[in-house]
Amino acid sequence: MRKSKSLLFVFGLLLFVGCSVDLPSYVISEGKMERILYDYHLAQGMAEAQGGDVEANRYLYVQKVFEKYHITEAQFDTSMIWYSGHASHLQKMYEHIEARLERESNAAGLNIPEEDKFARFTAEGDTANIWSGKQMFFLHGNREQNLYTVVIPADSSFQRGDYFMFRCSNRFIVKDSEREGFVLLMVTYDNDSIVSNTMMITGDYDVTVNIPSSKALLRHDIRSVSCTFYYAFDEGKDDAFRMWAISKPVLLRYHSKTIETDTLSTLPDSLSTDSVPVVRRRVDGERLSPEEFRSSQQVDRKINVVQKKRVVLPAKPQRVRRR
């Protein structure tokens, strides 16, 4: 018995040692990096609150953070590159940062973020949190790691007329590049119709994206709900470090209580002409550029149907015979 326990202890110790990763000498320690990142995001928030030239303010405030911790910008960038390649370390730091920001907000008398209130909902009930993706993830401003999609297939708990709301917190760590992320919430119906809503994210703030129930699709069942995150890459600045951290994602599904059963009988067989969902253009085997991504997004377009006018051609000129 003692021998078995000893072998188990040795195996656990070897497993721990094998999974642990020593920090290289050029990487800032995890505790110090966590404090730097906390002040880094506070500095960005202060810069955005100042107005005026936000990018110039961000640069000045961030440089003050580097001076406070006696590090150079190159040391910060090098350390972030290492941590971004070791997601478990980075995720643990951001969990602590988010918790600290929440404590500071509560101490200052600010309201608890809405996503924290909604996170208590389960996957059942009239209002349910159906998010099934990661609780925290990181996207980078390159072609290989700038896209993340979560698809939730509909089950028996979904109902016709359901509407959806997505919320999350986000943080940017950007050097000499634009903050330009996109959140796309999309609902697909059994007749292949799609309704979507896209939001562009340019700063560190909470995000809310809604899709209300579509009157034109009350007769159709929901097939799936998906949420896509796209971090626009900057082709002109491939060497710049860019990272987008998304945390506390919540996807709420609401059952509509205002739909009358006799309303369904009044709907036409085809979609109403004043609310036609536009099917997203797909490009197989190719990543979209920021411009192509923006132009390919769905919007609810209104189509005005007019009766075709009769085309009147001009009278054929008569030939005049000259004498």
C-alpha atoms as a PDB file:
ATOM      1  CA  MET A   1       0.000   0.000   0.000  1.00  0.00           C
ATOM      2  CA  ARG A   2       2.805   2.398   0.916  1.00  0.00           C
ATOM      3  CA  LYS A   3       4.608   1.472  -2.283  1.00  0.00           C
ATOM      4  CA  SER A   4       1.528   2.316  -4.359  1.00  0.00           C
ATOM      5  CA  LYS A   5       1.171   5.690  -2.656  1.00  0.00           C
ATOM      6  CA  SER A   6       4.843   6.436  -3.192  1.00  0.00           C
ATOM      7  CA  LEU A   7       4.627   5.578  -6.884  1.00  0.00           C
ATOM      8  CA  LEU A   8       1.531   7.765  -7.206  1.00  0.00           C
ATOM      9  CA  PHE A   9       3.300  10.677  -5.523  1.00  0.00           C
ATOM     10  CA  VAL A  10       6.368  10.316  -7.750  1.00  0.00           C
ATOM     11  CA  PHE A  11       4.175  10.127 -10.858  1.00  0.00           C
ATOM     12  CA  GLY A  12       2.290  13.278  -9.835  1.00  0.00           C
ATOM     13  CA  LEU A  13       5.541  15.098  -9.137  1.00  0.00           C
ATOM     14  CA  LEU A  14       6.974  14.132 -12.528  1.00  0.00           C
ATOM     15  CA  LEU A  15       3.754  15.232 -14.208  1.00  0.00           C
ATOM     16  CA  PHE A  16       3.883  18.601 -12.454  1.00  0.00           C
ATOM     17  CA  VAL A  17       7.517  19.140 -13.387  1.00  0.00           C
ATOM     18  CA  GLY A  18       6.874  18.079 -16.968  1.00  0.00           C
ATOM     19  CA  CYS A  19       3.950  20.500 -17.339  1.00  0.00           C
ATOM     20  CA  SER A  20       5.645  23.476 -15.685  1.00  0.00           C
ATOM     21  CA  VAL A  21       7.508  25.914 -17.918  1.00  0.00           C
ATOM     22  CA  ASP A  22      10.427  27.963 -16.674  1.00  0.00           C
ATOM     23  CA  LEU A  23      10.433  31.618 -17.643  1.00  0.00           C
ATOM     24  CA  PRO A  24      13.364  32.642 -19.848  1.00  0.00           C
ATOM     25  CA  SER A  25      15.658  35.237 -18.332  1.00  0.00           C
ATOM     26  CA  TYR A  26      14.493  37.920 -20.761  1.00  0.00           C
ATOM     27  CA  VAL A  27      10.789  37.536 -19.806  1.00  0.00           C
ATOM     28  CA  ILE A  28       9.266  39.727 -17.112  1.00  0.00           C
ATOM     29  CA  SER A  29       8.072  37.682 -14.129  1.00  0.00           C
ATOM     30  CA  GLU A  30       4.427  36.705 -14.017  1.00  0.00           C
ATOM     31  CA  GLY A  31       3.560  38.745 -10.925  1.00  0.00           C
ATOM     32  CA  LYS A  32       5.224  41.893 -12.222  1.00  0.00           C
ATOM     33  CA  MET A  33       3.712  41.420 -15.681  1.00  0.00           C
ATOM     34  CA  GLU A  34       0.263  41.152 -14.157  1.00  0.00           C
ATOM     35  CA  ARG A  35       0.717  44.493 -12.364  1.00  0.00           C
ATOM     36  CA  ILE A  36       2.058  46.093 -15.552  1.00  0.00           C
ATOM     37  CA  LEU A  37      -0.921  44.887 -17.586  1.00  0.00           C
ATOM     38  CA  TYR A  38      -3.350  46.177 -14.970  1.00  0.00           C
ATOM     39  CA  ASP A  39      -1.825  49.659 -15.132  1.00  0.00           C
ATOM     40  CA  TYR A  40      -1.530  49.345 -18.917  1.00  0.00           C
ATOM     41  CA  HIS A  41      -5.289  48.950 -19.311  1.00  0.00           C
ATOM     42  CA  LEU A  42      -6.011  51.698 -16.783  1.00  0.00           C
ATOM     43  CA  ALA A  43      -3.723  53.989 -18.789  1.00  0.00           C
ATOM     44  CA  GLN A  44      -5.583  53.195 -22.001  1.00  0.00           C
ATOM     45  CA  GLY A  45      -8.907  53.935 -20.321  1.00  0.00           C
ATOM     46  CA  MET A  46      -7.596  57.257 -19.054  1.00  0.00           C
ATOM     47  CA  ALA A  47      -6.328  58.119 -22.531  1.00  0.00           C
ATOM     48  CA  GLU A  48      -9.717  57.392 -24.081  1.00  0.00           C
ATOM     49  CA  ALA A  49     -11.469  59.483 -21.420  1.00  0.00           C
ATOM     50  CA  GLN A  50      -9.261  62.486 -22.206  1.00  0.00           C
ATOM     51  CA  GLY A  51     -10.621  62.819 -25.745  1.00  0.00           C
ATOM     52  CA  GLY A  52      -8.680  64.707 -28.372  1.00  0.00           C
ATOM     53  CA  ASP A  53      -5.893  62.726 -30.022  1.00  0.00           C
ATOM     54  CA  VAL A  54      -6.579  59.351 -28.377  1.00  0.00           C
ATOM     55  CA  GLU A  55      -3.660  57.555 -30.017  1.00  0.00           C
ATOM     56  CA  ALA A  56      -1.161  60.197 -28.860  1.00  0.00           C
ATOM     57  CA  ASN A  57      -2.618  60.084 -25.346  1.00  0.00           C
ATOM     58  CA  ARG A  58      -2.402  56.296 -25.284  1.00  0.00           C
ATOM     59  CA  TYR A  59       1.251  56.394 -26.216  1.00  0.00           C
ATOM     60  CA  LEU A  60       2.114  58.954 -23.526  1.00  0.00           C
ATOM     61  CA  TYR A  61       0.156  57.165 -20.789  1.00  0.00           C
ATOM     62  CA  VAL A  62       1.605  53.758 -21.654  1.00  0.00           C
ATOM     63  CA  GLN A  63       5.134  55.168 -21.656  1.00  0.00           C
ATOM     64  CA  LYS A  64       4.496  56.380 -18.103  1.00  0.00           C
ATOM     65  CA  VAL A  65       3.584  52.812 -17.138  1.00  0.00           C
ATOM     66  CA  PHE A  66       6.892  51.555 -18.547  1.00  0.00           C
ATOM     67  CA  GLU A  67       8.752  54.252 -16.598  1.00  0.00           C
ATOM     68  CA  LYS A  68       6.920  53.292 -13.400  1.00  0.00           C
ATOM     69  CA  TYR A  69       8.112  49.687 -13.621  1.00  0.00           C
ATOM     70  CA  HIS A  70      11.560  50.573 -15.009  1.00  0.00           C
ATOM     71  CA  ILE A  71      11.189  48.555 -18.184  1.00  0.00           C
ATOM     72  CA  THR A  72      11.564  49.387 -21.855  1.00  0.00           C
ATOM     73  CA  GLU A  73       8.931  49.000 -24.531  1.00  0.00           C
ATOM     74  CA  ALA A  74      11.088  46.291 -26.134  1.00  0.00           C
ATOM     75  CA  GLN A  75      11.105  44.289 -22.882  1.00  0.00           C
ATOM     76  CA  PHE A  76       7.339  44.561 -22.642  1.00  0.00           C
ATOM     77  CA  ASP A  77       6.837  43.454 -26.250  1.00  0.00           C
ATOM     78  CA  THR A  78       9.247  40.532 -25.939  1.00  0.00           C
ATOM     79  CA  SER A  79       7.576  39.333 -22.756  1.00  0.00           C
ATOM     80  CA  MET A  80       4.104  39.620 -24.277  1.00  0.00           C
ATOM     81  CA  ILE A  81       5.183  37.562 -27.283  1.00  0.00           C
ATOM     82  CA  TRP A  82       6.354  34.814 -24.932  1.00  0.00           C
ATOM     83  CA  TYR A  83       3.203  34.937 -22.792  1.00  0.00           C
ATOM     84  CA  SER A  84       0.946  34.918 -25.861  1.00  0.00           C
ATOM     85  CA  GLY A  85       2.585  31.623 -26.810  1.00  0.00           C
ATOM     86  CA  HIS A  86       1.805  30.217 -23.344  1.00  0.00           C
ATOM     87  CA  ALA A  87      -1.916  30.868 -23.074  1.00  0.00           C
ATOM     88  CA  SER A  88      -2.359  29.260 -19.644  1.00  0.00           C
ATOM     89  CA  HIS A  89      -0.037  31.829 -18.035  1.00  0.00           C
ATOM     90  CA  LEU A  90      -1.723  34.686 -19.874  1.00  0.00           C
ATOM     91  CA  GLN A  91      -5.219  33.500 -18.995  1.00  0.00           C
ATOM     92  CA  LYS A  92      -4.372  33.233 -15.300  1.00  0.00           C
ATOM     93  CA  MET A  93      -3.002  36.780 -15.304  1.00  0.00           C
ATOM     94  CA  TYR A  94      -6.106  38.171 -17.002  1.00  0.00           C
ATOM     95  CA  GLU A  95      -8.405  36.364 -14.602  1.00  0.00           C
ATOM     96  CA  HIS A  96      -6.621  38.159 -11.764  1.00  0.00           C
ATOM     97  CA  ILE A  97      -6.727  41.473 -13.672  1.00  0.00           C
ATOM     98  CA  GLU A  98     -10.473  41.207 -14.320  1.00  0.00           C
ATOM     99  CA  ALA A  99     -11.120  40.315 -10.676  1.00  0.00           C
ATOM    100  CA  ARG A 100      -9.035  43.273  -9.502  1.00  0.00           C
ATOM    101  CA  LEU A 101     -10.822  45.659 -11.866  1.00  0.00           C
ATOM    102  CA  GLU A 102     -14.144  44.415 -10.523  1.00  0.00           C
ATOM    103  CA  ARG A 103     -13.042  44.908  -6.911  1.00  0.00           C
ATOM    104  CA  GLU A 104     -11.835  48.430  -7.668  1.00  0.00           C
ATOM    105  CA  SER A 105     -15.122  49.234  -9.408  1.00  0.00           C
ATOM    106  CA  ASN A 106     -17.164  47.984  -6.461  1.00  0.00           C
ATOM    107  CA  ALA A 107     -15.011  49.942  -4.034  1.00  0.00           C
ATOM    108  CA  ALA A 108     -15.575  53.073  -6.101  1.00  0.00           C
ATOM    109  CA  GLY A 109     -19.339  52.532  -5.980  1.00  0.00           C
ATOM    110  CA  LEU A 110     -19.709  51.607  -9.629  1.00  0.00           C
ATOM    111  CA  ASN A 111     -22.296  49.109 -10.786  1.00  0.00           C
ATOM    112  CA  ILE A 112     -21.433  45.462 -11.308  1.00  0.00           C
ATOM    113  CA  PRO A 113     -20.978  44.762 -15.019  1.00  0.00           C
ATOM    114  CA  GLU A 114     -24.088  43.373 -16.652  1.00  0.00           C
ATOM    115  CA  GLU A 115     -22.374  40.234 -17.922  1.00  0.00           C
ATOM    116  CA  ASP A 116     -21.640  39.270 -14.305  1.00  0.00           C
ATOM    117  CA  LYS A 117     -25.342  39.504 -13.502  1.00  0.00           C
ATOM    118  CA  PHE A 118     -26.348  37.465 -16.552  1.00  0.00           C
ATOM    119  CA  ALA A 119     -23.697  34.794 -16.013  1.00  0.00           C
ATOM    120  CA  ARG A 120     -25.841  33.219 -13.289  1.00  0.00           C
ATOM    121  CA  PHE A 121     -28.362  32.000 -15.863  1.00  0.00           C
ATOM    122  CA  THR A 122     -28.172  28.325 -16.807  1.00  0.00           C
ATOM    123  CA  ALA A 123     -28.862  26.738 -20.203  1.00  0.00           C
ATOM    124  CA  GLU A 124     -32.530  26.176 -19.323  1.00  0.00           C
ATOM    125  CA  GLY A 125     -35.541  28.372 -18.684  1.00  0.00           C
ATOM    126  CA  ASP A 126     -37.220  31.261 -20.470  1.00  0.00           C
ATOM    127  CA  THR A 127     -33.975  33.232 -20.187  1.00  0.00           C
ATOM    128  CA  ALA A 128     -30.939  30.995 -20.635  1.00  0.00           C
ATOM    129  CA  ASN A 129     -27.200  31.426 -21.065  1.00  0.00           C
ATOM    130  CA  ILE A 130     -26.433  29.141 -24.029  1.00  0.00           C
ATOM    131  CA  TRP A 131     -22.763  30.109 -24.497  1.00  0.00           C
ATOM    132  CA  SER A 132     -20.679  26.944 -25.069  1.00  0.00           C
ATOM    133  CA  GLY A 133     -17.309  28.412 -26.104  1.00  0.00           C
ATOM    134  CA  LYS A 134     -14.230  29.340 -24.100  1.00  0.00           C
ATOM    135  CA  GLN A 135     -14.599  31.598 -21.083  1.00  0.00           C
ATOM    136  CA  MET A 136     -11.525  33.560 -22.142  1.00  0.00           C
ATOM    137  CA  PHE A 137      -9.590  33.578 -25.400  1.00  0.00           C
ATOM    138  CA  PHE A 138      -7.021  35.663 -27.252  1.00  0.00           C
ATOM    139  CA  LEU A 139      -6.859  36.730 -30.888  1.00  0.00           C
ATOM    140  CA  HIS A 140      -3.808  38.136 -32.650  1.00  0.00           C
ATOM    141  CA  GLY A 141      -3.493  40.580 -35.497  1.00  0.00           C
ATOM    142  CA  ASN A 142      -2.206  38.064 -38.028  1.00  0.00           C
ATOM    143  CA  ARG A 143      -3.777  35.765 -40.607  1.00  0.00           C
ATOM    144  CA  GLU A 144      -3.330  32.604 -38.528  1.00  0.00           C
ATOM    145  CA  GLN A 145      -4.850  33.595 -35.171  1.00  0.00           C
ATOM    146  CA  ASN A 146      -7.346  36.367 -35.856  1.00  0.00           C
ATOM    147  CA  LEU A 147     -10.614  34.396 -36.089  1.00  0.00           C
ATOM    148  CA  TYR A 148     -12.707  32.493 -33.538  1.00  0.00           C
ATOM    149  CA  THR A 149     -16.220  31.120 -34.090  1.00  0.00           C
ATOM    150  CA  VAL A 150     -18.660  29.378 -31.766  1.00  0.00           C
ATOM    151  CA  VAL A 151     -21.729  27.637 -33.239  1.00  0.00           C
ATOM    152  CA  ILE A 152     -24.592  26.578 -30.941  1.00  0.00           C
ATOM    153  CA  PRO A 153     -27.004  24.145 -32.656  1.00  0.00           C
ATOM    154  CA  ALA A 154     -30.646  24.627 -31.698  1.00  0.00           C
ATOM    155  CA  ASP A 155     -32.284  21.973 -29.536  1.00  0.00           C
ATOM    156  CA  SER A 156     -35.756  21.372 -28.145  1.00  0.00           C
ATOM    157  CA  SER A 157     -35.413  24.300 -25.719  1.00  0.00           C
ATOM    158  CA  PHE A 158     -35.366  26.785 -28.616  1.00  0.00           C
ATOM    159  CA  GLN A 159     -38.673  28.292 -29.695  1.00  0.00           C
ATOM    160  CA  ARG A 160     -39.891  30.258 -32.666  1.00  0.00           C
ATOM    161  CA  GLY A 161     -39.575  33.962 -32.006  1.00  0.00           C
ATOM    162  CA  ASP A 162     -36.588  33.654 -29.649  1.00  0.00           C
ATOM    163  CA  TYR A 163     -34.289  36.652 -29.501  1.00  0.00           C
ATOM    164  CA  PHE A 164     -30.653  36.804 -28.451  1.00  0.00           C
ATOM    165  CA  MET A 165     -28.154  39.048 -26.699  1.00  0.00           C
ATOM    166  CA  PHE A 166     -24.376  38.584 -26.508  1.00  0.00           C
ATOM    167  CA  ARG A 167     -22.175  40.360 -23.968  1.00  0.00           C
ATOM    168  CA  CYS A 168     -18.458  40.234 -23.188  1.00  0.00           C
ATOM    169  CA  SER A 169     -15.530  42.240 -21.861  1.00  0.00           C
ATOM    170  CA  ASN A 170     -12.567  42.941 -24.100  1.00  0.00           C
ATOM    171  CA  ARG A 171      -9.039  44.308 -23.756  1.00  0.00           C
ATOM    172  CA  PHE A 172      -6.587  45.334 -26.458  1.00  0.00           C
ATOM    173  CA  ILE A 173      -2.807  45.202 -26.243  1.00  0.00           C
ATOM    174  CA  VAL A 174      -1.629  47.001 -29.351  1.00  0.00           C
ATOM    175  CA  LYS A 175       1.625  48.543 -30.443  1.00  0.00           C
ATOM    176  CA  ASP A 176       1.644  51.054 -33.306  1.00  0.00           C
ATOM    177  CA  SER A 177      -1.527  49.653 -34.850  1.00  0.00           C
ATOM    178  CA  GLU A 178      -5.269  50.168 -34.941  1.00  0.00           C
ATOM    179  CA  ARG A 179      -7.683  48.556 -32.510  1.00  0.00           C
ATOM    180  CA  GLU A 180     -10.216  47.055 -34.858  1.00  0.00           C
ATOM    181  CA  GLY A 181     -12.121  43.940 -33.792  1.00  0.00           C
ATOM    182  CA  PHE A 182     -15.511  42.716 -34.967  1.00  0.00           C
ATOM    183  CA  VAL A 183     -18.195  40.679 -33.191  1.00  0.00           C
ATOM    184  CA  LEU A 184     -20.750  39.014 -35.480  1.00  0.00           C
ATOM    185  CA  LEU A 185     -23.877  37.462 -33.950  1.00  0.00           C
ATOM    186  CA  MET A 186     -25.860  35.375 -36.445  1.00  0.00           C
ATOM    187  CA  VAL A 187     -29.064  33.314 -36.300  1.00  0.00           C
ATOM    188  CA  THR A 188     -29.746  30.713 -39.022  1.00  0.00           C
ATOM    189  CA  TYR A 189     -33.271  29.394 -39.689  1.00  0.00           C
ATOM    190  CA  ASP A 190     -34.503  26.135 -41.177  1.00  0.00           C
ATOM    191  CA  ASN A 191     -35.195  27.796 -44.543  1.00  0.00           C
ATOM    192  CA  ASP A 192     -31.522  28.909 -44.763  1.00  0.00           C
ATOM    193  CA  SER A 193     -32.433  32.510 -43.969  1.00  0.00           C
ATOM    194  CA  ILE A 194     -29.912  34.398 -41.865  1.00  0.00           C
ATOM    195  CA  VAL A 195     -30.329  37.389 -39.569  1.00  0.00           C
ATOM    196  CA  SER A 196     -27.175  38.949 -38.137  1.00  0.00           C
ATOM    197  CA  ASN A 197     -25.782  41.933 -36.304  1.00  0.00           C
ATOM    198  CA  THR A 198     -22.168  43.110 -36.385  1.00  0.00           C
ATOM    199  CA  MET A 199     -20.376  45.446 -33.986  1.00  0.00           C
ATOM    200  CA  MET A 200     -16.973  47.017 -34.501  1.00  0.00           C
ATOM    201  CA  ILE A 201     -14.814  47.201 -31.332  1.00  0.00           C
ATOM    202  CA  THR A 202     -12.128  49.888 -31.046  1.00  0.00           C
ATOM    203  CA  GLY A 203     -11.411  50.142 -27.312  1.00  0.00           C
ATOM    204  CA  ASP A 204     -11.511  48.532 -23.880  1.00  0.00           C
ATOM    205  CA  TYR A 205     -15.187  48.483 -22.981  1.00  0.00           C
ATOM    206  CA  ASP A 206     -18.049  46.036 -22.502  1.00  0.00           C
ATOM    207  CA  VAL A 207     -19.749  44.829 -25.676  1.00  0.00           C
ATOM    208  CA  THR A 208     -23.440  44.124 -26.260  1.00  0.00           C
ATOM    209  CA  VAL A 209     -24.827  42.724 -29.524  1.00  0.00           C
ATOM    210  CA  ASN A 210     -28.556  42.010 -29.946  1.00  0.00           C
ATOM    211  CA  ILE A 211     -30.700  40.162 -32.459  1.00  0.00           C
ATOM    212  CA  PRO A 212     -34.422  40.740 -31.855  1.00  0.00           C
ATOM    213  CA  SER A 213     -37.014  38.232 -33.015  1.00  0.00           C
ATOM    214  CA  SER A 214     -37.815  38.595 -36.719  1.00  0.00           C
ATOM    215  CA  LYS A 215     -41.495  38.985 -37.551  1.00  0.00           C
ATOM    216  CA  ALA A 216     -40.785  37.737 -41.058  1.00  0.00           C
ATOM    217  CA  LEU A 217     -39.471  34.423 -39.681  1.00  0.00           C
ATOM    218  CA  LEU A 218     -41.962  33.528 -36.951  1.00  0.00           C
ATOM    219  CA  ARG A 219     -43.107  30.487 -38.917  1.00  0.00           C
ATOM    220  CA  HIS A 220     -39.600  29.043 -39.132  1.00  0.00           C
ATOM    221  CA  ASP A 221     -37.578  27.106 -36.578  1.00  0.00           C
ATOM    222  CA  ILE A 222     -34.125  28.248 -35.544  1.00  0.00           C
ATOM    223  CA  ARG A 223     -31.354  25.970 -36.789  1.00  0.00           C
ATOM    224  CA  SER A 224     -28.351  27.475 -35.012  1.00  0.00           C
ATOM    225  CA  VAL A 225     -26.871  30.560 -33.381  1.00  0.00           C
ATOM    226  CA  SER A 226     -23.240  31.507 -33.972  1.00  0.00           C
ATOM    227  CA  CYS A 227     -20.855  34.148 -32.712  1.00  0.00           C
ATOM    228  CA  THR A 228     -17.719  35.085 -34.662  1.00  0.00           C
ATOM    229  CA  PHE A 229     -14.822  37.245 -33.491  1.00  0.00           C
ATOM    230  CA  TYR A 230     -12.566  38.721 -36.140  1.00  0.00           C
ATOM    231  CA  TYR A 231      -9.444  40.750 -35.417  1.00  0.00           C
ATOM    232  CA  ALA A 232      -8.561  42.796 -38.486  1.00  0.00           C
ATOM    233  CA  PHE A 233      -4.926  42.330 -39.422  1.00  0.00           C
ATOM    234  CA  ASP A 234      -2.764  45.232 -40.526  1.00  0.00           C
ATOM    235  CA  GLU A 235      -0.860  44.170 -43.633  1.00  0.00           C
ATOM    236  CA  GLY A 236       1.340  47.240 -43.477  1.00  0.00           C
ATOM    237  CA  LYS A 237       2.584  46.490 -39.954  1.00  0.00           C
ATOM    238  CA  ASP A 238       3.294  42.784 -39.750  1.00  0.00           C
ATOM    239  CA  ASP A 239       5.975  43.301 -37.091  1.00  0.00           C
ATOM    240  CA  ALA A 240       3.683  45.171 -34.691  1.00  0.00           C
ATOM    241  CA  PHE A 241       2.430  43.261 -31.654  1.00  0.00           C
ATOM    242  CA  ARG A 242      -1.354  43.062 -31.496  1.00  0.00           C
ATOM    243  CA  MET A 243      -3.538  41.056 -29.158  1.00  0.00           C
ATOM    244  CA  TRP A 244      -7.259  41.115 -28.348  1.00  0.00           C
ATOM    245  CA  ALA A 245      -8.409  39.463 -25.115  1.00  0.00           C
ATOM    246  CA  ILE A 246     -12.110  38.511 -24.810  1.00  0.00           C
ATOM    247  CA  SER A 247     -13.463  37.464 -21.416  1.00  0.00           C
ATOM    248  CA  LYS A 248     -16.756  36.838 -19.581  1.00  0.00           C
ATOM    249  CA  PRO A 249     -18.763  35.898 -22.706  1.00  0.00           C
ATOM    250  CA  VAL A 250     -22.504  35.462 -22.170  1.00  0.00           C
ATOM    251  CA  LEU A 251     -25.026  34.533 -24.880  1.00  0.00           C
ATOM    252  CA  LEU A 252     -28.586  34.896 -23.617  1.00  0.00           C
ATOM    253  CA  ARG A 253     -31.608  33.395 -25.330  1.00  0.00           C
ATOM    254  CA  TYR A 254     -34.976  34.919 -24.470  1.00  0.00           C
ATOM    255  CA  HIS A 255     -38.343  33.321 -25.137  1.00  0.00           C
ATOM    256  CA  SER A 256     -40.737  35.876 -26.557  1.00  0.00           C
ATOM    257  CA  LYS A 257     -43.909  36.309 -24.479  1.00  0.00           C
ATOM    258  CA  THR A 258     -45.660  38.727 -26.810  1.00  0.00           C
ATOM    259  CA  ILE A 259     -46.226  36.499 -29.841  1.00  0.00           C
ATOM    260  CA  GLU A 260     -49.879  35.664 -30.378  1.00  0.00           C
ATOM    261  CA  THR A 261     -50.648  32.294 -31.909  1.00  0.00           C
ATOM    262  CA  ASP A 262     -53.113  33.788 -34.389  1.00  0.00           C
ATOM    263  CA  THR A 263     -50.380  36.075 -35.668  1.00  0.00           C
ATOM    264  CA  LEU A 264     -48.814  33.152 -37.497  1.00  0.00           C
ATOM    265  CA  SER A 265     -51.862  32.696 -39.686  1.00  0.00           C
ATOM    266  CA  THR A 266     -51.581  36.250 -40.962  1.00  0.00           C
ATOM    267  CA  LEU A 267     -48.033  35.867 -42.209  1.00  0.00           C
ATOM    268  CA  PRO A 268     -47.477  35.307 -45.931  1.00  0.00           C
ATOM    269  CA  ASP A 269     -45.844  32.135 -47.210  1.00  0.00           C
ATOM    270  CA  SER A 270     -42.791  34.080 -48.338  1.00  0.00           C
ATOM    271  CA  LEU A 271     -40.715  36.585 -46.408  1.00  0.00           C
ATOM    272  CA  SER A 272     -42.038  40.079 -45.988  1.00  0.00           C
ATOM    273  CA  THR A 273     -40.481  42.450 -48.499  1.00  0.00           C
ATOM    274  CA  ASP A 274     -39.657  45.053 -45.846  1.00  0.00           C
ATOM    275  CA  SER A 275     -37.301  42.790 -43.886  1.00  0.00           C
ATOM    276  CA  VAL A 276     -35.267  40.368 -45.971  1.00  0.00           C
ATOM    277  CA  PRO A 277     -32.193  38.819 -44.357  1.00  0.00           C
ATOM    278  CA  VAL A 278     -29.152  38.925 -46.598  1.00  0.00           C
ATOM    279  CA  VAL A 279     -27.124  35.718 -46.912  1.00  0.00           C
ATOM    280  CA  ARG A 280     -23.463  36.207 -46.117  1.00  0.00           C
ATOM    281  CA  ARG A 281     -21.031  35.783 -48.992  1.00  0.00           C
ATOM    282  CA  ARG A 282     -18.605  32.949 -48.326  1.00  0.00           C
ATOM    283  CA  VAL A 283     -15.046  32.782 -49.553  1.00  0.00           C
ATOM    284  CA  ASP A 284     -13.731  29.223 -49.365  1.00  0.00           C
ATOM    285  CA  GLY A 285     -10.121  28.677 -48.446  1.00  0.00           C
ATOM    286  CA  GLU A 286      -9.350  32.376 -48.141  1.00  0.00           C
ATOM    287  CA  ARG A 287      -9.139  34.810 -45.234  1.00  0.00           C
ATOM    288  CA  LEU A 288     -11.003  38.043 -45.785  1.00  0.00           C
ATOM    289  CA  SER A 289      -9.264  41.374 -45.619  1.00  0.00           C
ATOM    290  CA  PRO A 290     -10.785  43.991 -43.261  1.00  0.00           C
ATOM    291  CA  GLU A 291     -12.448  45.759 -46.199  1.00  0.00           C
ATOM    292  CA  GLU A 292     -13.902  42.508 -47.577  1.00  0.00           C
ATOM    293  CA  PHE A 293     -15.094  41.488 -44.125  1.00  0.00           C
ATOM    294  CA  ARG A 294     -16.935  44.771 -43.607  1.00  0.00           C
ATOM    295  CA  SER A 295     -18.595  44.625 -47.025  1.00  0.00           C
ATOM    296  CA  SER A 296     -19.695  41.004 -46.537  1.00  0.00           C
ATOM    297  CA  GLN A 297     -21.627  41.588 -43.315  1.00  0.00           C
ATOM    298  CA  GLN A 298     -25.349  41.261 -43.156  1.00  0.00           C
ATOM    299  CA  VAL A 299     -27.636  44.158 -42.514  1.00  0.00           C
ATOM    300  CA  ASP A 300     -31.400  44.299 -42.477  1.00  0.00           C
ATOM    301  CA  ARG A 301     -32.152  46.025 -45.742  1.00  0.00           C
ATOM    302  CA  LYS A 302     -35.516  47.457 -46.691  1.00  0.00           C
ATOM    303  CA  ILE A 303     -36.650  46.650 -50.196  1.00  0.00           C
ATOM    304  CA  ASN A 304     -39.262  48.849 -51.805  1.00  0.00           C
ATOM    305  CA  VAL A 305     -41.205  46.962 -54.453  1.00  0.00           C
ATOM    306  CA  VAL A 306     -42.554  49.179 -57.205  1.00  0.00           C
ATOM    307  CA  GLN A 307     -44.642  48.264 -60.187  1.00  0.00           C
ATOM    308  CA  LYS A 308     -42.625  47.949 -63.342  1.00  0.00           C
ATOM    309  CA  LYS A 309     -43.045  51.005 -65.484  1.00  0.00           C
ATOM    310  CA  ARG A 310     -43.816  50.714 -69.145  1.00  0.00           C
ATOM    311  CA  VAL A 311     -40.833  51.749 -71.181  1.00  0.00           C
ATOM    312  CA  VAL A 312     -41.722  54.160 -73.949  1.00  0.00           C
ATOM    313  CA  LEU A 313     -39.217  54.198 -76.763  1.00  0.00           C
ATOM    314  CA  PRO A 314     -38.704  57.403 -78.685  1.00  0.00           C
ATOM    315  CA  ALA A 315     -40.458  57.597 -82.047  1.00  0.00           C
ATOM    316  CA  LYS A 316     -38.373  56.406 -84.937  1.00  0.00           C
ATOM    317  CA  PRO A 317     -37.275  59.417 -86.933  1.00  0.00           C
ATOM    318  CA  GLN A 318     -38.754  59.658 -90.402  1.00  0.00           C
ATOM    319  CA  ARG A 319     -36.522  59.840 -93.377  1.00  0.00           C
ATOM    320  CA  VAL A 320     -37.005  62.957 -95.400  1.00  0.00           C
ATOM    321  CA  ARG A 321     -36.485  62.554 -99.119  1.00  0.00           C
ATOM    322  CA  ARG A 322     -34.512  65.386-100.549  1.00  0.00           C
ATOM    323  CA  ARG A 323     -35.273  66.629-104.021  1.00  0.00           C
END
